[in-house]
mmCIF file of all heavy atoms, coordinates in Angstrom:
data_MODEL
# 
_entry.id   MODEL 
# 
loop_
_atom_site.group_PDB 
_atom_site.id 
_atom_site.type_symbol 
_atom_site.label_atom_id 
_atom_site.label_alt_id 
_atom_site.label_comp_id 
_atom_site.label_asym_id 
_atom_site.label_entity_id 
_atom_site.label_seq_id 
_atom_site.pdbx_PDB_ins_code 
_atom_site.Cartn_x 
_atom_site.Cartn_y 
_atom_site.Cartn_z 
_atom_site.occupancy 
_atom_site.B_iso_or_equiv 
_atom_site.pdbx_formal_charge 
_atom_site.auth_seq_id 
_atom_site.auth_comp_id 
_atom_site.auth_asym_id 
_atom_site.auth_atom_id 
_atom_site.pdbx_PDB_model_num 
ATOM 1   N N   . ASP A 1 1  ? 11.987 -40.420 20.771 1.00 0.00 ? 1  ASP A N   1 
ATOM 2   C CA  . ASP A 1 1  ? 13.069 -39.755 21.510 1.00 0.00 ? 1  ASP A CA  1 
ATOM 3   C C   . ASP A 1 1  ? 12.614 -38.412 22.073 1.00 0.00 ? 1  ASP A C   1 
ATOM 4   O O   . ASP A 1 1  ? 12.857 -38.103 23.242 1.00 0.00 ? 1  ASP A O   1 
ATOM 5   C CB  . ASP A 1 1  ? 14.280 -39.540 20.595 1.00 0.00 ? 1  ASP A CB  1 
ATOM 6   C CG  . ASP A 1 1  ? 15.007 -40.837 20.279 1.00 0.00 ? 1  ASP A CG  1 
ATOM 7   O OD1 . ASP A 1 1  ? 14.741 -41.845 20.957 1.00 0.00 ? 1  ASP A OD1 1 
ATOM 8   O OD2 . ASP A 1 1  ? 15.830 -40.833 19.335 1.00 0.00 ? 1  ASP A OD2 1 
ATOM 9   N N   . VAL A 1 2  ? 11.949 -37.604 21.260 1.00 0.00 ? 2  VAL A N   1 
ATOM 10  C CA  . VAL A 1 2  ? 11.519 -36.274 21.712 1.00 0.00 ? 2  VAL A CA  1 
ATOM 11  C C   . VAL A 1 2  ? 10.394 -36.397 22.728 1.00 0.00 ? 2  VAL A C   1 
ATOM 12  O O   . VAL A 1 2  ? 10.399 -35.723 23.769 1.00 0.00 ? 2  VAL A O   1 
ATOM 13  C CB  . VAL A 1 2  ? 11.091 -35.407 20.510 1.00 0.00 ? 2  VAL A CB  1 
ATOM 14  C CG1 . VAL A 1 2  ? 10.530 -34.066 20.987 1.00 0.00 ? 2  VAL A CG1 1 
ATOM 15  C CG2 . VAL A 1 2  ? 12.276 -35.177 19.579 1.00 0.00 ? 2  VAL A CG2 1 
ATOM 16  N N   . TYR A 1 3  ? 9.423  -37.257 22.439 1.00 0.00 ? 3  TYR A N   1 
ATOM 17  C CA  . TYR A 1 3  ? 8.311  -37.475 23.373 1.00 0.00 ? 3  TYR A CA  1 
ATOM 18  C C   . TYR A 1 3  ? 8.834  -37.931 24.734 1.00 0.00 ? 3  TYR A C   1 
ATOM 19  O O   . TYR A 1 3  ? 8.430  -37.408 25.785 1.00 0.00 ? 3  TYR A O   1 
ATOM 20  C CB  . TYR A 1 3  ? 7.353  -38.521 22.793 1.00 0.00 ? 3  TYR A CB  1 
ATOM 21  C CG  . TYR A 1 3  ? 6.167  -38.847 23.676 1.00 0.00 ? 3  TYR A CG  1 
ATOM 22  C CD1 . TYR A 1 3  ? 4.958  -38.178 23.528 1.00 0.00 ? 3  TYR A CD1 1 
ATOM 23  C CD2 . TYR A 1 3  ? 6.253  -39.842 24.654 1.00 0.00 ? 3  TYR A CD2 1 
ATOM 24  C CE1 . TYR A 1 3  ? 3.863  -38.483 24.326 1.00 0.00 ? 3  TYR A CE1 1 
ATOM 25  C CE2 . TYR A 1 3  ? 5.172  -40.151 25.455 1.00 0.00 ? 3  TYR A CE2 1 
ATOM 26  C CZ  . TYR A 1 3  ? 3.977  -39.465 25.285 1.00 0.00 ? 3  TYR A CZ  1 
ATOM 27  O OH  . TYR A 1 3  ? 2.906  -39.773 26.100 1.00 0.00 ? 3  TYR A OH  1 
ATOM 28  N N   . SER A 1 4  ? 9.736  -38.894 24.745 1.00 0.00 ? 4  SER A N   1 
ATOM 29  C CA  . SER A 1 4  ? 10.263 -39.435 25.999 1.00 0.00 ? 4  SER A CA  1 
ATOM 30  C C   . SER A 1 4  ? 11.067 -38.390 26.755 1.00 0.00 ? 4  SER A C   1 
ATOM 31  O O   . SER A 1 4  ? 10.984 -38.301 27.985 1.00 0.00 ? 4  SER A O   1 
ATOM 32  C CB  . SER A 1 4  ? 11.140 -40.666 25.720 1.00 0.00 ? 4  SER A CB  1 
ATOM 33  O OG  . SER A 1 4  ? 10.383 -41.690 25.120 1.00 0.00 ? 4  SER A OG  1 
ATOM 34  N N   . SER A 1 5  ? 11.846 -37.596 26.040 1.00 0.00 ? 5  SER A N   1 
ATOM 35  C CA  . SER A 1 5  ? 12.642 -36.568 26.691 1.00 0.00 ? 5  SER A CA  1 
ATOM 36  C C   . SER A 1 5  ? 11.763 -35.557 27.410 1.00 0.00 ? 5  SER A C   1 
ATOM 37  O O   . SER A 1 5  ? 12.087 -35.103 28.516 1.00 0.00 ? 5  SER A O   1 
ATOM 38  C CB  . SER A 1 5  ? 13.526 -35.852 25.663 1.00 0.00 ? 5  SER A CB  1 
ATOM 39  O OG  . SER A 1 5  ? 14.289 -34.841 26.269 1.00 0.00 ? 5  SER A OG  1 
ATOM 40  N N   . ILE A 1 6  ? 10.635 -35.209 26.803 1.00 0.00 ? 6  ILE A N   1 
ATOM 41  C CA  . ILE A 1 6  ? 9.712  -34.250 27.415 1.00 0.00 ? 6  ILE A CA  1 
ATOM 42  C C   . ILE A 1 6  ? 8.971  -34.877 28.590 1.00 0.00 ? 6  ILE A C   1 
ATOM 43  O O   . ILE A 1 6  ? 8.886  -34.301 29.678 1.00 0.00 ? 6  ILE A O   1 
ATOM 44  C CB  . ILE A 1 6  ? 8.712  -33.729 26.364 1.00 0.00 ? 6  ILE A CB  1 
ATOM 45  C CG1 . ILE A 1 6  ? 9.432  -32.865 25.327 1.00 0.00 ? 6  ILE A CG1 1 
ATOM 46  C CG2 . ILE A 1 6  ? 7.578  -32.934 27.033 1.00 0.00 ? 6  ILE A CG2 1 
ATOM 47  C CD1 . ILE A 1 6  ? 8.578  -32.507 24.131 1.00 0.00 ? 6  ILE A CD1 1 
ATOM 48  N N   . THR A 1 7  ? 8.437  -36.066 28.387 1.00 0.00 ? 7  THR A N   1 
ATOM 49  C CA  . THR A 1 7  ? 7.571  -36.668 29.408 1.00 0.00 ? 7  THR A CA  1 
ATOM 50  C C   . THR A 1 7  ? 8.350  -37.289 30.565 1.00 0.00 ? 7  THR A C   1 
ATOM 51  O O   . THR A 1 7  ? 7.783  -37.501 31.635 1.00 0.00 ? 7  THR A O   1 
ATOM 52  C CB  . THR A 1 7  ? 6.652  -37.730 28.782 1.00 0.00 ? 7  THR A CB  1 
ATOM 53  O OG1 . THR A 1 7  ? 7.450  -38.734 28.139 1.00 0.00 ? 7  THR A OG1 1 
ATOM 54  C CG2 . THR A 1 7  ? 5.733  -37.091 27.745 1.00 0.00 ? 7  THR A CG2 1 
ATOM 55  N N   . ASN A 1 8  ? 9.637  -37.573 30.370 1.00 0.00 ? 8  ASN A N   1 
ATOM 56  C CA  . ASN A 1 8  ? 10.444 -38.131 31.457 1.00 0.00 ? 8  ASN A CA  1 
ATOM 57  C C   . ASN A 1 8  ? 10.984 -37.084 32.417 1.00 0.00 ? 8  ASN A C   1 
ATOM 58  O O   . ASN A 1 8  ? 11.484 -37.430 33.492 1.00 0.00 ? 8  ASN A O   1 
ATOM 59  C CB  . ASN A 1 8  ? 11.617 -38.947 30.888 1.00 0.00 ? 8  ASN A CB  1 
ATOM 60  C CG  . ASN A 1 8  ? 11.172 -40.280 30.323 1.00 0.00 ? 8  ASN A CG  1 
ATOM 61  O OD1 . ASN A 1 8  ? 10.090 -40.777 30.640 1.00 0.00 ? 8  ASN A OD1 1 
ATOM 62  N ND2 . ASN A 1 8  ? 11.992 -40.863 29.464 1.00 0.00 ? 8  ASN A ND2 1 
ATOM 63  N N   . ASP A 1 9  ? 10.919 -35.821 32.033 1.00 0.00 ? 9  ASP A N   1 
ATOM 64  C CA  . ASP A 1 9  ? 11.322 -34.771 32.965 1.00 0.00 ? 9  ASP A CA  1 
ATOM 65  C C   . ASP A 1 9  ? 10.443 -34.846 34.205 1.00 0.00 ? 9  ASP A C   1 
ATOM 66  O O   . ASP A 1 9  ? 9.248  -35.164 34.131 1.00 0.00 ? 9  ASP A O   1 
ATOM 67  C CB  . ASP A 1 9  ? 11.191 -33.390 32.316 1.00 0.00 ? 9  ASP A CB  1 
ATOM 68  C CG  . ASP A 1 9  ? 12.308 -33.110 31.323 1.00 0.00 ? 9  ASP A CG  1 
ATOM 69  O OD1 . ASP A 1 9  ? 13.349 -33.789 31.395 1.00 0.00 ? 9  ASP A OD1 1 
ATOM 70  O OD2 . ASP A 1 9  ? 12.136 -32.222 30.473 1.00 0.00 ? 9  ASP A OD2 1 
ATOM 71  N N   . VAL A 1 10 ? 11.045 -34.555 35.356 1.00 0.00 ? 10 VAL A N   1 
ATOM 72  C CA  . VAL A 1 10 ? 10.328 -34.668 36.621 1.00 0.00 ? 10 VAL A CA  1 
ATOM 73  C C   . VAL A 1 10 ? 9.860  -33.272 37.038 1.00 0.00 ? 10 VAL A C   1 
ATOM 74  O O   . VAL A 1 10 ? 10.645 -32.452 37.517 1.00 0.00 ? 10 VAL A O   1 
ATOM 75  C CB  . VAL A 1 10 ? 11.215 -35.276 37.728 1.00 0.00 ? 10 VAL A CB  1 
ATOM 76  C CG1 . VAL A 1 10 ? 10.418 -35.444 39.020 1.00 0.00 ? 10 VAL A CG1 1 
ATOM 77  C CG2 . VAL A 1 10 ? 11.803 -36.607 37.272 1.00 0.00 ? 10 VAL A CG2 1 
ATOM 78  N N   . VAL A 1 11 ? 8.587  -32.995 36.807 1.00 0.00 ? 11 VAL A N   1 
ATOM 79  C CA  . VAL A 1 11 ? 7.990  -31.735 37.248 1.00 0.00 ? 11 VAL A CA  1 
ATOM 80  C C   . VAL A 1 11 ? 7.204  -32.063 38.517 1.00 0.00 ? 11 VAL A C   1 
ATOM 81  O O   . VAL A 1 11 ? 6.070  -32.542 38.460 1.00 0.00 ? 11 VAL A O   1 
ATOM 82  C CB  . VAL A 1 11 ? 7.075  -31.125 36.164 1.00 0.00 ? 11 VAL A CB  1 
ATOM 83  C CG1 . VAL A 1 11 ? 6.520  -29.779 36.626 1.00 0.00 ? 11 VAL A CG1 1 
ATOM 84  C CG2 . VAL A 1 11 ? 7.845  -30.960 34.852 1.00 0.00 ? 11 VAL A CG2 1 
ATOM 85  N N   . ALA A 1 12 ? 7.840  -31.836 39.667 1.00 0.00 ? 12 ALA A N   1 
ATOM 86  C CA  . ALA A 1 12 ? 7.239  -32.228 40.944 1.00 0.00 ? 12 ALA A CA  1 
ATOM 87  C C   . ALA A 1 12 ? 5.950  -31.448 41.167 1.00 0.00 ? 12 ALA A C   1 
ATOM 88  O O   . ALA A 1 12 ? 5.917  -30.225 41.012 1.00 0.00 ? 12 ALA A O   1 
ATOM 89  C CB  . ALA A 1 12 ? 8.216  -31.976 42.088 1.00 0.00 ? 12 ALA A CB  1 
ATOM 90  N N   . SER A 1 13 ? 4.898  -32.147 41.528 1.00 0.00 ? 13 SER A N   1 
ATOM 91  C CA  . SER A 1 13 ? 3.598  -31.501 41.708 1.00 0.00 ? 13 SER A CA  1 
ATOM 92  C C   . SER A 1 13 ? 3.639  -30.500 42.848 1.00 0.00 ? 13 SER A C   1 
ATOM 93  O O   . SER A 1 13 ? 4.429  -30.632 43.793 1.00 0.00 ? 13 SER A O   1 
ATOM 94  C CB  . SER A 1 13 ? 2.524  -32.552 41.987 1.00 0.00 ? 13 SER A CB  1 
ATOM 95  O OG  . SER A 1 13 ? 2.834  -33.268 43.173 1.00 0.00 ? 13 SER A OG  1 
ATOM 96  N N   . GLN A 1 14 ? 2.810  -29.460 42.760 1.00 0.00 ? 14 GLN A N   1 
ATOM 97  C CA  . GLN A 1 14 ? 2.709  -28.521 43.868 1.00 0.00 ? 14 GLN A CA  1 
ATOM 98  C C   . GLN A 1 14 ? 2.238  -29.279 45.110 1.00 0.00 ? 14 GLN A C   1 
ATOM 99  O O   . GLN A 1 14 ? 1.378  -30.133 45.054 1.00 0.00 ? 14 GLN A O   1 
ATOM 100 C CB  . GLN A 1 14 ? 1.735  -27.399 43.525 1.00 0.00 ? 14 GLN A CB  1 
ATOM 101 C CG  . GLN A 1 14 ? 2.319  -26.354 42.579 1.00 0.00 ? 14 GLN A CG  1 
ATOM 102 C CD  . GLN A 1 14 ? 1.448  -25.127 42.491 1.00 0.00 ? 14 GLN A CD  1 
ATOM 103 O OE1 . GLN A 1 14 ? 0.249  -25.222 42.274 1.00 0.00 ? 14 GLN A OE1 1 
ATOM 104 N NE2 . GLN A 1 14 ? 2.052  -23.961 42.650 1.00 0.00 ? 14 GLN A NE2 1 
ATOM 105 N N   . GLY A 1 15 ? 2.864  -28.938 46.227 1.00 0.00 ? 15 GLY A N   1 
ATOM 106 C CA  . GLY A 1 15 ? 2.553  -29.656 47.447 1.00 0.00 ? 15 GLY A CA  1 
ATOM 107 C C   . GLY A 1 15 ? 3.148  -31.047 47.477 1.00 0.00 ? 15 GLY A C   1 
ATOM 108 O O   . GLY A 1 15 ? 2.676  -31.927 48.205 1.00 0.00 ? 15 GLY A O   1 
ATOM 109 N N   . PHE A 1 16 ? 4.215  -31.260 46.672 1.00 0.00 ? 16 PHE A N   1 
ATOM 110 C CA  . PHE A 1 16 ? 4.788  -32.607 46.571 1.00 0.00 ? 16 PHE A CA  1 
ATOM 111 C C   . PHE A 1 16 ? 5.339  -33.105 47.904 1.00 0.00 ? 16 PHE A C   1 
ATOM 112 O O   . PHE A 1 16 ? 5.460  -34.308 48.117 1.00 0.00 ? 16 PHE A O   1 
ATOM 113 C CB  . PHE A 1 16 ? 5.909  -32.629 45.520 1.00 0.00 ? 16 PHE A CB  1 
ATOM 114 C CG  . PHE A 1 16 ? 7.173  -31.932 45.954 1.00 0.00 ? 16 PHE A CG  1 
ATOM 115 C CD1 . PHE A 1 16 ? 8.203  -32.640 46.540 1.00 0.00 ? 16 PHE A CD1 1 
ATOM 116 C CD2 . PHE A 1 16 ? 7.323  -30.567 45.776 1.00 0.00 ? 16 PHE A CD2 1 
ATOM 117 C CE1 . PHE A 1 16 ? 9.363  -32.008 46.944 1.00 0.00 ? 16 PHE A CE1 1 
ATOM 118 C CE2 . PHE A 1 16 ? 8.476  -29.925 46.175 1.00 0.00 ? 16 PHE A CE2 1 
ATOM 119 C CZ  . PHE A 1 16 ? 9.502  -30.648 46.764 1.00 0.00 ? 16 PHE A CZ  1 
ATOM 120 N N   . SER A 1 17 ? 5.684  -32.188 48.807 1.00 0.00 ? 17 SER A N   1 
ATOM 121 C CA  . SER A 1 17 ? 6.230  -32.623 50.091 1.00 0.00 ? 17 SER A CA  1 
ATOM 122 C C   . SER A 1 17 ? 5.186  -33.330 50.950 1.00 0.00 ? 17 SER A C   1 
ATOM 123 O O   . SER A 1 17 ? 5.517  -33.957 51.955 1.00 0.00 ? 17 SER A O   1 
ATOM 124 C CB  . SER A 1 17 ? 6.809  -31.429 50.859 1.00 0.00 ? 17 SER A CB  1 
ATOM 125 O OG  . SER A 1 17 ? 5.813  -30.451 51.117 1.00 0.00 ? 17 SER A OG  1 
ATOM 126 N N   . GLU A 1 18 ? 3.912  -33.221 50.545 1.00 0.00 ? 18 GLU A N   1 
ATOM 127 C CA  . GLU A 1 18 ? 2.841  -33.936 51.245 1.00 0.00 ? 18 GLU A CA  1 
ATOM 128 C C   . GLU A 1 18 ? 2.411  -35.203 50.491 1.00 0.00 ? 18 GLU A C   1 
ATOM 129 O O   . GLU A 1 18 ? 1.424  -35.834 50.843 1.00 0.00 ? 18 GLU A O   1 
ATOM 130 C CB  . GLU A 1 18 ? 1.615  -33.016 51.396 1.00 0.00 ? 18 GLU A CB  1 
ATOM 131 C CG  . GLU A 1 18 ? 1.925  -31.649 51.996 1.00 0.00 ? 18 GLU A CG  1 
ATOM 132 C CD  . GLU A 1 18 ? 2.374  -31.734 53.444 1.00 0.00 ? 18 GLU A CD  1 
ATOM 133 O OE1 . GLU A 1 18 ? 2.037  -32.737 54.109 1.00 0.00 ? 18 GLU A OE1 1 
ATOM 134 O OE2 . GLU A 1 18 ? 3.080  -30.820 53.909 1.00 0.00 ? 18 GLU A OE2 1 
ATOM 135 N N   . ASP A 1 19 ? 3.170  -35.549 49.436 1.00 0.00 ? 19 ASP A N   1 
ATOM 136 C CA  . ASP A 1 19 ? 2.781  -36.649 48.556 1.00 0.00 ? 19 ASP A CA  1 
ATOM 137 C C   . ASP A 1 19 ? 3.176  -37.992 49.167 1.00 0.00 ? 19 ASP A C   1 
ATOM 138 O O   . ASP A 1 19 ? 4.221  -38.557 48.862 1.00 0.00 ? 19 ASP A O   1 
ATOM 139 C CB  . ASP A 1 19 ? 3.431  -36.466 47.181 1.00 0.00 ? 19 ASP A CB  1 
ATOM 140 C CG  . ASP A 1 19 ? 2.941  -37.477 46.156 1.00 0.00 ? 19 ASP A CG  1 
ATOM 141 O OD1 . ASP A 1 19 ? 2.056  -38.292 46.505 1.00 0.00 ? 19 ASP A OD1 1 
ATOM 142 O OD2 . ASP A 1 19 ? 3.440  -37.461 45.011 1.00 0.00 ? 19 ASP A OD2 1 
ATOM 143 N N   . ARG A 1 20 ? 2.330  -38.505 50.051 1.00 0.00 ? 20 ARG A N   1 
ATOM 144 C CA  . ARG A 1 20 ? 2.619  -39.788 50.684 1.00 0.00 ? 20 ARG A CA  1 
ATOM 145 C C   . ARG A 1 20 ? 2.479  -40.945 49.693 1.00 0.00 ? 20 ARG A C   1 
ATOM 146 O O   . ARG A 1 20 ? 3.041  -42.015 49.923 1.00 0.00 ? 20 ARG A O   1 
ATOM 147 C CB  . ARG A 1 20 ? 1.691  -39.999 51.884 1.00 0.00 ? 20 ARG A CB  1 
ATOM 148 C CG  . ARG A 1 20 ? 1.797  -38.904 52.942 1.00 0.00 ? 20 ARG A CG  1 
ATOM 149 C CD  . ARG A 1 20 ? 3.239  -38.720 53.411 1.00 0.00 ? 20 ARG A CD  1 
ATOM 150 N NE  . ARG A 1 20 ? 3.408  -37.602 54.298 1.00 0.00 ? 20 ARG A NE  1 
ATOM 151 C CZ  . ARG A 1 20 ? 3.345  -37.692 55.613 1.00 0.00 ? 20 ARG A CZ  1 
ATOM 152 N NH1 . ARG A 1 20 ? 3.094  -38.852 56.194 1.00 0.00 ? 20 ARG A NH1 1 
ATOM 153 N NH2 . ARG A 1 20 ? 3.548  -36.626 56.364 1.00 0.00 ? 20 ARG A NH2 1 
ATOM 154 N N   . LYS A 1 21 ? 1.736  -40.722 48.605 1.00 0.00 ? 21 LYS A N   1 
ATOM 155 C CA  . LYS A 1 21 ? 1.598  -41.781 47.596 1.00 0.00 ? 21 LYS A CA  1 
ATOM 156 C C   . LYS A 1 21 ? 2.948  -42.112 46.982 1.00 0.00 ? 21 LYS A C   1 
ATOM 157 O O   . LYS A 1 21 ? 3.260  -43.284 46.724 1.00 0.00 ? 21 LYS A O   1 
ATOM 158 C CB  . LYS A 1 21 ? 0.608  -41.351 46.513 1.00 0.00 ? 21 LYS A CB  1 
ATOM 159 C CG  . LYS A 1 21 ? 0.341  -42.417 45.456 1.00 0.00 ? 21 LYS A CG  1 
ATOM 160 C CD  . LYS A 1 21 ? -0.684 -41.959 44.435 1.00 0.00 ? 21 LYS A CD  1 
ATOM 161 C CE  . LYS A 1 21 ? -0.920 -43.025 43.380 1.00 0.00 ? 21 LYS A CE  1 
ATOM 162 N NZ  . LYS A 1 21 ? -1.904 -42.591 42.351 1.00 0.00 ? 21 LYS A NZ  1 
ATOM 163 N N   . LEU A 1 22 ? 3.774  -41.078 46.747 1.00 0.00 ? 22 LEU A N   1 
ATOM 164 C CA  . LEU A 1 22 ? 5.109  -41.303 46.202 1.00 0.00 ? 22 LEU A CA  1 
ATOM 165 C C   . LEU A 1 22 ? 5.926  -42.176 47.140 1.00 0.00 ? 22 LEU A C   1 
ATOM 166 O O   . LEU A 1 22 ? 6.642  -43.088 46.705 1.00 0.00 ? 22 LEU A O   1 
ATOM 167 C CB  . LEU A 1 22 ? 5.816  -39.968 45.969 1.00 0.00 ? 22 LEU A CB  1 
ATOM 168 C CG  . LEU A 1 22 ? 7.226  -40.049 45.387 1.00 0.00 ? 22 LEU A CG  1 
ATOM 169 C CD1 . LEU A 1 22 ? 7.168  -40.470 43.929 1.00 0.00 ? 22 LEU A CD1 1 
ATOM 170 C CD2 . LEU A 1 22 ? 7.943  -38.702 45.513 1.00 0.00 ? 22 LEU A CD2 1 
ATOM 171 N N   . LEU A 1 23 ? 5.819  -41.900 48.436 1.00 0.00 ? 23 LEU A N   1 
ATOM 172 C CA  . LEU A 1 23 ? 6.530  -42.718 49.414 1.00 0.00 ? 23 LEU A CA  1 
ATOM 173 C C   . LEU A 1 23 ? 6.033  -44.161 49.374 1.00 0.00 ? 23 LEU A C   1 
ATOM 174 O O   . LEU A 1 23 ? 6.828  -45.109 49.404 1.00 0.00 ? 23 LEU A O   1 
ATOM 175 C CB  . LEU A 1 23 ? 6.346  -42.138 50.814 1.00 0.00 ? 23 LEU A CB  1 
ATOM 176 C CG  . LEU A 1 23 ? 6.968  -40.765 51.085 1.00 0.00 ? 23 LEU A CG  1 
ATOM 177 C CD1 . LEU A 1 23 ? 6.612  -40.289 52.489 1.00 0.00 ? 23 LEU A CD1 1 
ATOM 178 C CD2 . LEU A 1 23 ? 8.479  -40.817 50.921 1.00 0.00 ? 23 LEU A CD2 1 
ATOM 179 N N   . GLN A 1 24 ? 4.705  -44.347 49.307 1.00 0.00 ? 24 GLN A N   1 
ATOM 180 C CA  . GLN A 1 24 ? 4.126  -45.687 49.287 1.00 0.00 ? 24 GLN A CA  1 
ATOM 181 C C   . GLN A 1 24 ? 4.603  -46.486 48.079 1.00 0.00 ? 24 GLN A C   1 
ATOM 182 O O   . GLN A 1 24 ? 4.857  -47.688 48.179 1.00 0.00 ? 24 GLN A O   1 
ATOM 183 C CB  . GLN A 1 24 ? 2.598  -45.594 49.281 1.00 0.00 ? 24 GLN A CB  1 
ATOM 184 C CG  . GLN A 1 24 ? 1.983  -44.983 50.531 1.00 0.00 ? 24 GLN A CG  1 
ATOM 185 C CD  . GLN A 1 24 ? 1.964  -45.944 51.705 1.00 0.00 ? 24 GLN A CD  1 
ATOM 186 O OE1 . GLN A 1 24 ? 1.739  -47.135 51.530 1.00 0.00 ? 24 GLN A OE1 1 
ATOM 187 N NE2 . GLN A 1 24 ? 2.211  -45.430 52.895 1.00 0.00 ? 24 GLN A NE2 1 
ATOM 188 N N   . VAL A 1 25 ? 4.756  -45.828 46.947 1.00 0.00 ? 25 VAL A N   1 
ATOM 189 C CA  . VAL A 1 25 ? 5.076  -46.517 45.698 1.00 0.00 ? 25 VAL A CA  1 
ATOM 190 C C   . VAL A 1 25 ? 6.573  -46.776 45.548 1.00 0.00 ? 25 VAL A C   1 
ATOM 191 O O   . VAL A 1 25 ? 6.990  -47.863 45.131 1.00 0.00 ? 25 VAL A O   1 
ATOM 192 C CB  . VAL A 1 25 ? 4.554  -45.701 44.491 1.00 0.00 ? 25 VAL A CB  1 
ATOM 193 C CG1 . VAL A 1 25 ? 5.041  -46.307 43.169 1.00 0.00 ? 25 VAL A CG1 1 
ATOM 194 C CG2 . VAL A 1 25 ? 3.028  -45.635 44.508 1.00 0.00 ? 25 VAL A CG2 1 
ATOM 195 N N   . ILE A 1 26 ? 7.400  -45.789 45.886 1.00 0.00 ? 26 ILE A N   1 
ATOM 196 C CA  . ILE A 1 26 ? 8.822  -45.855 45.529 1.00 0.00 ? 26 ILE A CA  1 
ATOM 197 C C   . ILE A 1 26 ? 9.742  -46.168 46.708 1.00 0.00 ? 26 ILE A C   1 
ATOM 198 O O   . ILE A 1 26 ? 10.729 -46.885 46.555 1.00 0.00 ? 26 ILE A O   1 
ATOM 199 C CB  . ILE A 1 26 ? 9.256  -44.534 44.854 1.00 0.00 ? 26 ILE A CB  1 
ATOM 200 C CG1 . ILE A 1 26 ? 8.456  -44.333 43.559 1.00 0.00 ? 26 ILE A CG1 1 
ATOM 201 C CG2 . ILE A 1 26 ? 10.750 -44.525 44.551 1.00 0.00 ? 26 ILE A CG2 1 
ATOM 202 C CD1 . ILE A 1 26 ? 8.772  -43.062 42.828 1.00 0.00 ? 26 ILE A CD1 1 
ATOM 203 N N   . LEU A 1 27 ? 9.430  -45.649 47.891 1.00 0.00 ? 27 LEU A N   1 
ATOM 204 C CA  . LEU A 1 27 ? 10.354 -45.798 49.013 1.00 0.00 ? 27 LEU A CA  1 
ATOM 205 C C   . LEU A 1 27 ? 10.648 -47.256 49.379 1.00 0.00 ? 27 LEU A C   1 
ATOM 206 O O   . LEU A 1 27 ? 11.807 -47.578 49.704 1.00 0.00 ? 27 LEU A O   1 
ATOM 207 C CB  . LEU A 1 27 ? 9.845  -45.019 50.227 1.00 0.00 ? 27 LEU A CB  1 
ATOM 208 C CG  . LEU A 1 27 ? 10.799 -44.913 51.424 1.00 0.00 ? 27 LEU A CG  1 
ATOM 209 C CD1 . LEU A 1 27 ? 12.158 -44.365 51.004 1.00 0.00 ? 27 LEU A CD1 1 
ATOM 210 C CD2 . LEU A 1 27 ? 10.183 -44.048 52.525 1.00 0.00 ? 27 LEU A CD2 1 
# 
């Protein structure tokens, strides 16, 4: 429970607005 709560938080990477990989995977 504690591990998942910490690791599931979304800490967007610096420069995330240029992250086309995220678009390729999720969009």
